[in-house]
All heavy atoms as atom14 arrays in JSON, in Angstrom:
{
  "sequence": "CYYLHKEHLLDQHRGRRMEVSMLERYVRQYIEAQNGDEIIFSW",
  "atom14_mask": [
    [1, 1, 1, 1, 1, 1, 0, 0, 0, 0, 0, 0, 0, 0],
    [1, 1, 1, 1, 1, 1, 1, 1, 1, 1, 1, 1, 0, 0],
    [1, 1, 1, 1, 1, 1, 1, 1, 1, 1, 1, 1, 0, 0],
    [1, 1, 1, 1, 1, 1, 1, 1, 0, 0, 0, 0, 0, 0],
    [1, 1, 1, 1, 1, 1, 1, 1, 1, 1, 0, 0, 0, 0],
    [1, 1, 1, 1, 1, 1, 1, 1, 1, 0, 0, 0, 0, 0],
    [1, 1, 1, 1, 1, 1, 1, 1, 1, 0, 0, 0, 0, 0],
    [1, 1, 1, 1, 1, 1, 1, 1, 1, 1, 0, 0, 0, 0],
    [1, 1, 1, 1, 1, 1, 1, 1, 0, 0, 0, 0, 0, 0],
    [1, 1, 1, 1, 1, 1, 1, 1, 0, 0, 0, 0, 0, 0],
    [1, 1, 1, 1, 1, 1, 1, 1, 0, 0, 0, 0, 0, 0],
    [1, 1, 1, 1, 1, 1, 1, 1, 1, 0, 0, 0, 0, 0],
    [1, 1, 1, 1, 1, 1, 1, 1, 1, 1, 0, 0, 0, 0],
    [1, 1, 1, 1, 1, 1, 1, 1, 1, 1, 1, 0, 0, 0],
    [1, 1, 1, 1, 0, 0, 0, 0, 0, 0, 0, 0, 0, 0],
    [1, 1, 1, 1, 1, 1, 1, 1, 1, 1, 1, 0, 0, 0],
    [1, 1, 1, 1, 1, 1, 1, 1, 1, 1, 1, 0, 0, 0],
    [1, 1, 1, 1, 1, 1, 1, 1, 0, 0, 0, 0, 0, 0],
    [1, 1, 1, 1, 1, 1, 1, 1, 1, 0, 0, 0, 0, 0],
    [1, 1, 1, 1, 1, 1, 1, 0, 0, 0, 0, 0, 0, 0],
    [1, 1, 1, 1, 1, 1, 0, 0, 0, 0, 0, 0, 0, 0],
    [1, 1, 1, 1, 1, 1, 1, 1, 0, 0, 0, 0, 0, 0],
    [1, 1, 1, 1, 1, 1, 1, 1, 0, 0, 0, 0, 0, 0],
    [1, 1, 1, 1, 1, 1, 1, 1, 1, 0, 0, 0, 0, 0],
    [1, 1, 1, 1, 1, 1, 1, 1, 1, 1, 1, 0, 0, 0],
    [1, 1, 1, 1, 1, 1, 1, 1, 1, 1, 1, 1, 0, 0],
    [1, 1, 1, 1, 1, 1, 1, 0, 0, 0, 0, 0, 0, 0],
    [1, 1, 1, 1, 1, 1, 1, 1, 1, 1, 1, 0, 0, 0],
    [1, 1, 1, 1, 1, 1, 1, 1, 1, 0, 0, 0, 0, 0],
    [1, 1, 1, 1, 1, 1, 1, 1, 1, 1, 1, 1, 0, 0],
    [1, 1, 1, 1, 1, 1, 1, 1, 0, 0, 0, 0, 0, 0],
    [1, 1, 1, 1, 1, 1, 1, 1, 1, 0, 0, 0, 0, 0],
    [1, 1, 1, 1, 1, 0, 0, 0, 0, 0, 0, 0, 0, 0],
    [1, 1, 1, 1, 1, 1, 1, 1, 1, 0, 0, 0, 0, 0],
    [1, 1, 1, 1, 1, 1, 1, 1, 0, 0, 0, 0, 0, 0],
    [1, 1, 1, 1, 0, 0, 0, 0, 0, 0, 0, 0, 0, 0],
    [1, 1, 1, 1, 1, 1, 1, 1, 0, 0, 0, 0, 0, 0],
    [1, 1, 1, 1, 1, 1, 1, 1, 1, 0, 0, 0, 0, 0],
    [1, 1, 1, 1, 1, 1, 1, 1, 0, 0, 0, 0, 0, 0],
    [1, 1, 1, 1, 1, 1, 1, 1, 0, 0, 0, 0, 0, 0],
    [1, 1, 1, 1, 1, 1, 1, 1, 1, 1, 1, 0, 0, 0],
    [1, 1, 1, 1, 1, 1, 0, 0, 0, 0, 0, 0, 0, 0],
    [1, 1, 1, 1, 1, 1, 1, 1, 1, 1, 1, 1, 1, 1]
  ],
  "atom14_positions": [
    [[9.31, 31.51, 18.38], [8.5, 30.74, 19.32], [8.44, 31.41, 20.69], [9.46, 31.78, 21.27], [9.05, 29.32, 19.47], [8.01, 28.26, 20.52], [0.0, 0.0, 0.0], [0.0, 0.0, 0.0], [0.0, 0.0, 0.0], [0.0, 0.0, 0.0], [0.0, 0.0, 0.0], [0.0, 0.0, 0.0], [0.0, 0.0, 0.0], [0.0, 0.0, 0.0]],
    [[7.23, 31.54, 21.21], [7.03, 32.15, 22.52], [7.1, 31.13, 23.64], [6.95, 31.49, 24.82], [5.67, 32.87, 22.57], [4.47, 31.94, 22.62], [3.84, 31.65, 23.83], [3.98, 31.33, 21.47], [2.75, 30.81, 23.89], [2.89, 30.47, 21.52], [2.28, 30.22, 22.72], [1.2, 29.36, 22.76], [0.0, 0.0, 0.0], [0.0, 0.0, 0.0]],
    [[7.35, 29.84, 23.3], [7.25, 28.8, 24.32], [8.55, 28.05, 24.59], [8.72, 27.48, 25.66], [6.15, 27.8, 23.96], [5.33, 27.4, 25.16], [4.31, 28.22, 25.64], [5.58, 26.23, 25.86], [3.57, 27.89, 26.76], [4.85, 25.88, 26.98], [3.85, 26.71, 27.43], [3.14, 26.38, 28.55], [0.0, 0.0, 0.0], [0.0, 0.0, 0.0]],
    [[9.47, 28.0, 23.65], [10.68, 27.21, 23.85], [11.46, 27.64, 25.09], [12.08, 26.81, 25.76], [11.58, 27.29, 22.61], [11.13, 26.49, 21.38], [12.12, 26.69, 20.24], [11.01, 24.99, 21.71], [0.0, 0.0, 0.0], [0.0, 0.0, 0.0], [0.0, 0.0, 0.0], [0.0, 0.0, 0.0], [0.0, 0.0, 0.0], [0.0, 0.0, 0.0]],
    [[11.44, 28.93, 25.4], [12.22, 29.39, 26.54], [11.66, 28.93, 27.88], [12.33, 29.06, 28.91], [12.29, 30.93, 26.53], [11.02, 31.61, 26.92], [9.95, 31.71, 26.07], [10.64, 32.21, 28.09], [8.97, 32.35, 26.68], [9.36, 32.65, 27.9], [0.0, 0.0, 0.0], [0.0, 0.0, 0.0], [0.0, 0.0, 0.0], [0.0, 0.0, 0.0]],
    [[10.45, 28.35, 27.88], [9.89, 27.85, 29.15], [10.75, 26.72, 29.72], [10.72, 26.47, 30.92], [8.46, 27.33, 28.94], [7.52, 28.3, 28.26], [7.31, 29.57, 29.05], [6.3, 30.47, 28.34], [6.16, 31.78, 28.95], [0.0, 0.0, 0.0], [0.0, 0.0, 0.0], [0.0, 0.0, 0.0], [0.0, 0.0, 0.0], [0.0, 0.0, 0.0]],
    [[11.53, 26.07, 28.86], [12.44, 25.01, 29.33], [13.35, 25.54, 30.42], [13.65, 24.85, 31.39], [13.26, 24.5, 28.15], [14.28, 23.44, 28.5], [15.07, 22.97, 27.29], [14.73, 23.35, 26.16], [16.04, 22.2, 27.49], [0.0, 0.0, 0.0], [0.0, 0.0, 0.0], [0.0, 0.0, 0.0], [0.0, 0.0, 0.0], [0.0, 0.0, 0.0]],
    [[13.78, 26.79, 30.28], [14.67, 27.4, 31.27], [13.88, 28.18, 32.31], [14.17, 28.08, 33.52], [15.67, 28.32, 30.56], [16.44, 27.63, 29.47], [17.38, 26.67, 29.73], [16.37, 27.75, 28.11], [17.89, 26.22, 28.59], [17.29, 26.85, 27.6], [0.0, 0.0, 0.0], [0.0, 0.0, 0.0], [0.0, 0.0, 0.0], [0.0, 0.0, 0.0]],
    [[12.88, 28.91, 31.86], [12.1, 29.72, 32.79], [11.42, 28.87, 33.86], [11.4, 29.23, 35.04], [11.04, 30.53, 32.02], [10.15, 31.43, 32.86], [10.96, 32.61, 33.41], [8.97, 31.94, 32.05], [0.0, 0.0, 0.0], [0.0, 0.0, 0.0], [0.0, 0.0, 0.0], [0.0, 0.0, 0.0], [0.0, 0.0, 0.0], [0.0, 0.0, 0.0]],
    [[10.86, 27.72, 33.45], [10.14, 26.85, 34.38], [10.97, 25.65, 34.82], [10.46, 24.71, 35.42], [8.84, 26.35, 33.72], [7.89, 27.43, 33.2], [6.65, 26.79, 32.6], [7.52, 28.41, 34.3], [0.0, 0.0, 0.0], [0.0, 0.0, 0.0], [0.0, 0.0, 0.0], [0.0, 0.0, 0.0], [0.0, 0.0, 0.0], [0.0, 0.0, 0.0]],
    [[12.26, 25.68, 34.48], [13.18, 24.6, 34.85], [12.68, 23.25, 34.34], [12.71, 22.24, 35.05], [13.37, 24.54, 36.37], [14.57, 23.68, 36.76], [15.5, 23.56, 35.95], [14.55, 23.11, 37.86], [0.0, 0.0, 0.0], [0.0, 0.0, 0.0], [0.0, 0.0, 0.0], [0.0, 0.0, 0.0], [0.0, 0.0, 0.0], [0.0, 0.0, 0.0]],
    [[12.21, 23.25, 33.09], [11.82, 21.99, 32.44], [13.05, 21.33, 31.86], [14.05, 21.97, 31.56], [10.8, 22.26, 31.33], [9.49, 22.84, 31.79], [8.56, 23.11, 30.62], [8.91, 22.96, 29.46], [7.34, 23.51, 30.94], [0.0, 0.0, 0.0], [0.0, 0.0, 0.0], [0.0, 0.0, 0.0], [0.0, 0.0, 0.0], [0.0, 0.0, 0.0]],
    [[12.97, 20.04, 31.66], [14.05, 19.31, 31.01], [13.49, 18.61, 29.79], [12.39, 18.05, 29.83], [14.67, 18.29, 31.97], [15.27, 18.91, 33.2], [16.45, 19.62, 33.18], [14.84, 18.94, 34.49], [16.72, 20.05, 34.4], [15.76, 19.66, 35.21], [0.0, 0.0, 0.0], [0.0, 0.0, 0.0], [0.0, 0.0, 0.0], [0.0, 0.0, 0.0]],
    [[14.22, 18.67, 28.69], [13.74, 18.05, 27.46], [13.45, 16.57, 27.69], [14.19, 15.87, 28.37], [14.78, 18.21, 26.35], [14.81, 19.61, 25.75], [15.85, 19.73, 24.67], [15.65, 18.75, 23.6], [14.74, 18.86, 22.63], [13.93, 19.9, 22.62], [14.63, 17.94, 21.69], [0.0, 0.0, 0.0], [0.0, 0.0, 0.0], [0.0, 0.0, 0.0]],
    [[12.36, 16.11, 27.12], [11.99, 14.71, 27.25], [10.99, 14.44, 28.35], [10.46, 13.34, 28.45], [0.0, 0.0, 0.0], [0.0, 0.0, 0.0], [0.0, 0.0, 0.0], [0.0, 0.0, 0.0], [0.0, 0.0, 0.0], [0.0, 0.0, 0.0], [0.0, 0.0, 0.0], [0.0, 0.0, 0.0], [0.0, 0.0, 0.0], [0.0, 0.0, 0.0]],
    [[10.73, 15.45, 29.21], [9.71, 15.25, 30.23], [8.34, 15.16, 29.59], [8.07, 15.78, 28.57], [9.73, 16.4, 31.24], [10.84, 16.3, 32.26], [10.64, 17.32, 33.36], [11.64, 17.17, 34.41], [11.71, 17.97, 35.47], [10.84, 18.95, 35.61], [12.64, 17.78, 36.38], [0.0, 0.0, 0.0], [0.0, 0.0, 0.0], [0.0, 0.0, 0.0]],
    [[7.48, 14.37, 30.21], [6.12, 14.22, 29.71], [5.16, 14.06, 30.87], [5.57, 13.74, 31.99], [6.02, 13.02, 28.79], [6.45, 11.7, 29.43], [6.16, 10.51, 28.52], [6.82, 10.64, 27.24], [6.43, 9.98, 26.15], [5.39, 9.18, 26.19], [7.08, 10.13, 25.03], [0.0, 0.0, 0.0], [0.0, 0.0, 0.0], [0.0, 0.0, 0.0]],
    [[3.9, 14.28, 30.6], [2.89, 14.13, 31.63], [2.74, 12.65, 31.98], [2.53, 11.82, 31.09], [1.55, 14.71, 31.14], [0.45, 14.72, 32.19], [-1.08, 15.51, 31.6], [-0.66, 17.24, 31.74], [0.0, 0.0, 0.0], [0.0, 0.0, 0.0], [0.0, 0.0, 0.0], [0.0, 0.0, 0.0], [0.0, 0.0, 0.0], [0.0, 0.0, 0.0]],
    [[2.88, 12.34, 33.24], [2.72, 10.96, 33.68], [1.27, 10.53, 33.51], [0.34, 11.34, 33.56], [3.13, 10.82, 35.14], [4.6, 11.16, 35.4], [4.93, 11.14, 36.87], [4.0, 10.95, 37.7], [6.12, 11.33, 37.21], [0.0, 0.0, 0.0], [0.0, 0.0, 0.0], [0.0, 0.0, 0.0], [0.0, 0.0, 0.0], [0.0, 0.0, 0.0]],
    [[1.05, 9.22, 33.33], [-0.3, 8.71, 33.1], [-1.22, 9.05, 34.26], [-2.4, 9.4, 34.06], [-0.28, 7.19, 32.84], [-1.71, 6.66, 32.73], [0.5, 6.87, 31.57], [0.0, 0.0, 0.0], [0.0, 0.0, 0.0], [0.0, 0.0, 0.0], [0.0, 0.0, 0.0], [0.0, 0.0, 0.0], [0.0, 0.0, 0.0], [0.0, 0.0, 0.0]],
    [[-0.72, 8.99, 35.48], [-1.55, 9.32, 36.64], [-1.97, 10.79, 36.6], [-3.12, 11.13, 36.93], [-0.81, 9.02, 37.94], [0.39, 9.76, 38.01], [0.0, 0.0, 0.0], [0.0, 0.0, 0.0], [0.0, 0.0, 0.0], [0.0, 0.0, 0.0], [0.0, 0.0, 0.0], [0.0, 0.0, 0.0], [0.0, 0.0, 0.0], [0.0, 0.0, 0.0]],
    [[-1.06, 11.66, 36.19], [-1.39, 13.08, 36.07], [-2.35, 13.31, 34.91], [-3.28, 14.13, 35.0], [-0.11, 13.9, 35.87], [-0.36, 15.4, 35.74], [-1.06, 16.16, 37.23], [0.4, 16.14, 38.29], [0.0, 0.0, 0.0], [0.0, 0.0, 0.0], [0.0, 0.0, 0.0], [0.0, 0.0, 0.0], [0.0, 0.0, 0.0], [0.0, 0.0, 0.0]],
    [[-2.14, 12.58, 33.83], [-3.02, 12.69, 32.68], [-4.46, 12.34, 33.07], [-5.41, 13.05, 32.73], [-2.53, 11.77, 31.56], [-3.38, 11.71, 30.29], [-3.44, 13.06, 29.61], [-2.83, 10.64, 29.34], [0.0, 0.0, 0.0], [0.0, 0.0, 0.0], [0.0, 0.0, 0.0], [0.0, 0.0, 0.0], [0.0, 0.0, 0.0], [0.0, 0.0, 0.0]],
    [[-4.62, 11.24, 33.81], [-5.97, 10.84, 34.22], [-6.56, 11.87, 35.18], [-7.76, 12.18, 35.11], [-5.95, 9.46, 34.86], [-7.33, 9.02, 35.32], [-7.51, 7.52, 35.4], [-6.49, 6.78, 35.31], [-8.66, 7.08, 35.55], [0.0, 0.0, 0.0], [0.0, 0.0, 0.0], [0.0, 0.0, 0.0], [0.0, 0.0, 0.0], [0.0, 0.0, 0.0]],
    [[-5.75, 12.4, 36.06], [-6.23, 13.42, 36.99], [-6.75, 14.64, 36.22], [-7.81, 15.17, 36.51], [-5.1, 13.82, 37.93], [-5.49, 14.86, 38.97], [-4.32, 15.21, 39.87], [-3.99, 14.12, 40.79], [-2.85, 13.44, 40.77], [-1.91, 13.72, 39.88], [-2.63, 12.47, 41.64], [0.0, 0.0, 0.0], [0.0, 0.0, 0.0], [0.0, 0.0, 0.0]],
    [[-5.98, 15.04, 35.2], [-6.39, 16.19, 34.4], [-7.68, 15.92, 33.64], [-8.62, 16.73, 33.68], [-5.28, 16.58, 33.41], [-5.76, 17.52, 32.33], [-6.28, 18.78, 32.66], [-5.71, 17.15, 30.99], [-6.74, 19.64, 31.68], [-6.17, 18.0, 30.0], [-6.69, 19.25, 30.35], [-7.15, 20.09, 29.37], [0.0, 0.0, 0.0], [0.0, 0.0, 0.0]],
    [[-7.76, 14.8, 32.95], [-8.95, 14.47, 32.17], [-10.18, 14.44, 33.07], [-11.24, 15.01, 32.75], [-8.77, 13.14, 31.42], [-10.1, 12.67, 30.82], [-7.7, 13.27, 30.33], [0.0, 0.0, 0.0], [0.0, 0.0, 0.0], [0.0, 0.0, 0.0], [0.0, 0.0, 0.0], [0.0, 0.0, 0.0], [0.0, 0.0, 0.0], [0.0, 0.0, 0.0]],
    [[-10.05, 13.77, 34.21], [-11.19, 13.66, 35.12], [-11.63, 15.03, 35.63], [-12.83, 15.38, 35.61], [-10.83, 12.76, 36.3], [-11.93, 12.62, 37.35], [-11.52, 11.73, 38.5], [-10.32, 12.19, 39.18], [-10.3, 13.18, 40.07], [-11.42, 13.82, 40.37], [-9.18, 13.51, 40.67], [0.0, 0.0, 0.0], [0.0, 0.0, 0.0], [0.0, 0.0, 0.0]],
    [[-10.68, 15.84, 36.06], [-11.03, 17.15, 36.61], [-11.62, 18.07, 35.55], [-12.57, 18.83, 35.81], [-9.8, 17.8, 37.26], [-9.35, 17.12, 38.54], [-8.25, 17.9, 39.25], [-8.05, 19.09, 39.0], [-7.54, 17.22, 40.14], [0.0, 0.0, 0.0], [0.0, 0.0, 0.0], [0.0, 0.0, 0.0], [0.0, 0.0, 0.0], [0.0, 0.0, 0.0]],
    [[-11.07, 18.03, 34.36], [-11.57, 18.88, 33.28], [-13.02, 18.53, 32.96], [-13.87, 19.41, 32.78], [-10.68, 18.71, 32.05], [-10.93, 19.7, 30.93], [-10.83, 21.07, 31.16], [-11.23, 19.27, 29.65], [-11.04, 21.98, 30.13], [-11.44, 20.17, 28.62], [-11.34, 21.54, 28.86], [-11.56, 22.43, 27.84], [0.0, 0.0, 0.0], [0.0, 0.0, 0.0]],
    [[-13.32, 17.24, 32.9], [-14.69, 16.8, 32.64], [-15.61, 17.21, 33.79], [-16.72, 17.71, 33.57], [-14.74, 15.28, 32.42], [-14.07, 14.92, 31.07], [-16.17, 14.76, 32.46], [-13.91, 13.43, 30.84], [0.0, 0.0, 0.0], [0.0, 0.0, 0.0], [0.0, 0.0, 0.0], [0.0, 0.0, 0.0], [0.0, 0.0, 0.0], [0.0, 0.0, 0.0]],
    [[-15.15, 17.01, 35.02], [-15.98, 17.33, 36.19], [-16.35, 18.81, 36.26], [-17.41, 19.17, 36.78], [-15.24, 16.94, 37.46], [-15.16, 15.44, 37.71], [-14.33, 15.1, 38.93], [-13.57, 15.98, 39.42], [-14.43, 13.95, 39.41], [0.0, 0.0, 0.0], [0.0, 0.0, 0.0], [0.0, 0.0, 0.0], [0.0, 0.0, 0.0], [0.0, 0.0, 0.0]],
    [[-15.5, 19.67, 35.75], [-15.71, 21.11, 35.89], [-16.57, 21.72, 34.79], [-16.96, 22.88, 34.89], [-14.35, 21.82, 35.92], [0.0, 0.0, 0.0], [0.0, 0.0, 0.0], [0.0, 0.0, 0.0], [0.0, 0.0, 0.0], [0.0, 0.0, 0.0], [0.0, 0.0, 0.0], [0.0, 0.0, 0.0], [0.0, 0.0, 0.0], [0.0, 0.0, 0.0]],
    [[-16.86, 20.94, 33.74], [-17.58, 21.46, 32.59], [-19.08, 21.18, 32.7], [-19.5, 20.17, 33.26], [-17.05, 20.8, 31.3], [-15.57, 20.99, 31.05], [-15.23, 22.38, 30.54], [-16.08, 23.09, 30.01], [-13.97, 22.76, 30.68], [0.0, 0.0, 0.0], [0.0, 0.0, 0.0], [0.0, 0.0, 0.0], [0.0, 0.0, 0.0], [0.0, 0.0, 0.0]],
    [[-19.88, 22.09, 32.11], [-21.32, 21.84, 32.09], [-21.93, 21.9, 30.68], [-23.14, 21.89, 30.53], [-22.06, 22.83, 33.01], [-21.95, 24.28, 32.52], [-21.34, 24.56, 31.5], [-22.57, 25.19, 33.26], [0.0, 0.0, 0.0], [0.0, 0.0, 0.0], [0.0, 0.0, 0.0], [0.0, 0.0, 0.0], [0.0, 0.0, 0.0], [0.0, 0.0, 0.0]],
    [[-21.09, 21.98, 29.66], [-21.59, 22.03, 28.29], [-21.88, 20.64, 27.74], [-21.43, 19.62, 28.3], [0.0, 0.0, 0.0], [0.0, 0.0, 0.0], [0.0, 0.0, 0.0], [0.0, 0.0, 0.0], [0.0, 0.0, 0.0], [0.0, 0.0, 0.0], [0.0, 0.0, 0.0], [0.0, 0.0, 0.0], [0.0, 0.0, 0.0], [0.0, 0.0, 0.0]],
    [[-22.62, 20.59, 26.65], [-22.92, 19.3, 26.0], [-21.69, 18.69, 25.34], [-21.61, 17.48, 25.2], [-24.02, 19.49, 24.95], [-25.36, 19.87, 25.57], [-25.59, 19.5, 26.73], [-26.17, 20.54, 24.89], [0.0, 0.0, 0.0], [0.0, 0.0, 0.0], [0.0, 0.0, 0.0], [0.0, 0.0, 0.0], [0.0, 0.0, 0.0], [0.0, 0.0, 0.0]],
    [[-20.76, 19.54, 24.93], [-19.52, 19.07, 24.33], [-18.34, 19.51, 25.19], [-18.26, 20.66, 25.61], [-19.35, 19.6, 22.91], [-18.1, 19.08, 22.21], [-17.91, 19.64, 20.81], [-18.51, 20.69, 20.51], [-17.18, 19.04, 20.02], [0.0, 0.0, 0.0], [0.0, 0.0, 0.0], [0.0, 0.0, 0.0], [0.0, 0.0, 0.0], [0.0, 0.0, 0.0]],
    [[-17.43, 18.59, 25.44], [-16.22, 18.88, 26.22], [-15.03, 18.73, 25.29], [-14.77, 17.64, 24.77], [-16.11, 17.93, 27.42], [-17.35, 18.05, 28.32], [-14.84, 18.23, 28.23], [-17.44, 16.99, 29.39], [0.0, 0.0, 0.0], [0.0, 0.0, 0.0], [0.0, 0.0, 0.0], [0.0, 0.0, 0.0], [0.0, 0.0, 0.0], [0.0, 0.0, 0.0]],
    [[-14.34, 19.83, 25.05], [-13.26, 19.85, 24.05], [-11.91, 19.87, 24.75], [-11.61, 20.78, 25.53], [-13.4, 21.06, 23.12], [-14.76, 21.05, 22.42], [-12.27, 21.07, 22.09], [-15.03, 22.3, 21.6], [0.0, 0.0, 0.0], [0.0, 0.0, 0.0], [0.0, 0.0, 0.0], [0.0, 0.0, 0.0], [0.0, 0.0, 0.0], [0.0, 0.0, 0.0]],
    [[-11.1, 18.88, 24.45], [-9.72, 18.81, 24.93], [-8.79, 19.31, 23.83], [-8.91, 18.9, 22.68], [-9.34, 17.38, 25.3], [-9.94, 16.89, 26.59], [-11.22, 16.35, 26.62], [-9.23, 16.96, 27.77], [-11.78, 15.89, 27.79], [-9.78, 16.5, 28.96], [-11.06, 15.97, 28.98], [0.0, 0.0, 0.0], [0.0, 0.0, 0.0], [0.0, 0.0, 0.0]],
    [[-7.85, 20.17, 24.22], [-6.87, 20.69, 23.27], [-5.47, 20.31, 23.72], [-5.12, 20.52, 24.89], [-6.98, 22.22, 23.16], [-8.23, 22.6, 22.63], [0.0, 0.0, 0.0], [0.0, 0.0, 0.0], [0.0, 0.0, 0.0], [0.0, 0.0, 0.0], [0.0, 0.0, 0.0], [0.0, 0.0, 0.0], [0.0, 0.0, 0.0], [0.0, 0.0, 0.0]],
    [[-4.69, 19.78, 22.79], [-3.35, 19.28, 23.1], [-2.33, 20.05, 22.26], [-2.45, 20.14, 21.06], [-3.27, 17.78, 22.81], [-4.39, 17.02, 23.47], [-5.56, 16.61, 22.92], [-4.43, 16.6, 24.85], [-6.35, 15.97, 23.85], [-5.67, 15.94, 25.05], [-3.55, 16.72, 25.93], [-6.05, 15.4, 26.27], [-3.92, 16.18, 27.15], [-5.15, 15.53, 27.32]]
  ]
}
């Protein structure tokens, strides 16, 4: 895995998650910045 080490590199702690307020901020901004007929979110 190329990503598990980000826990230490980025000082993440297991169990952290995106807060709902941050989630809404991301969704809104991603939509606002797109100009295509389809807007694809990847999780």
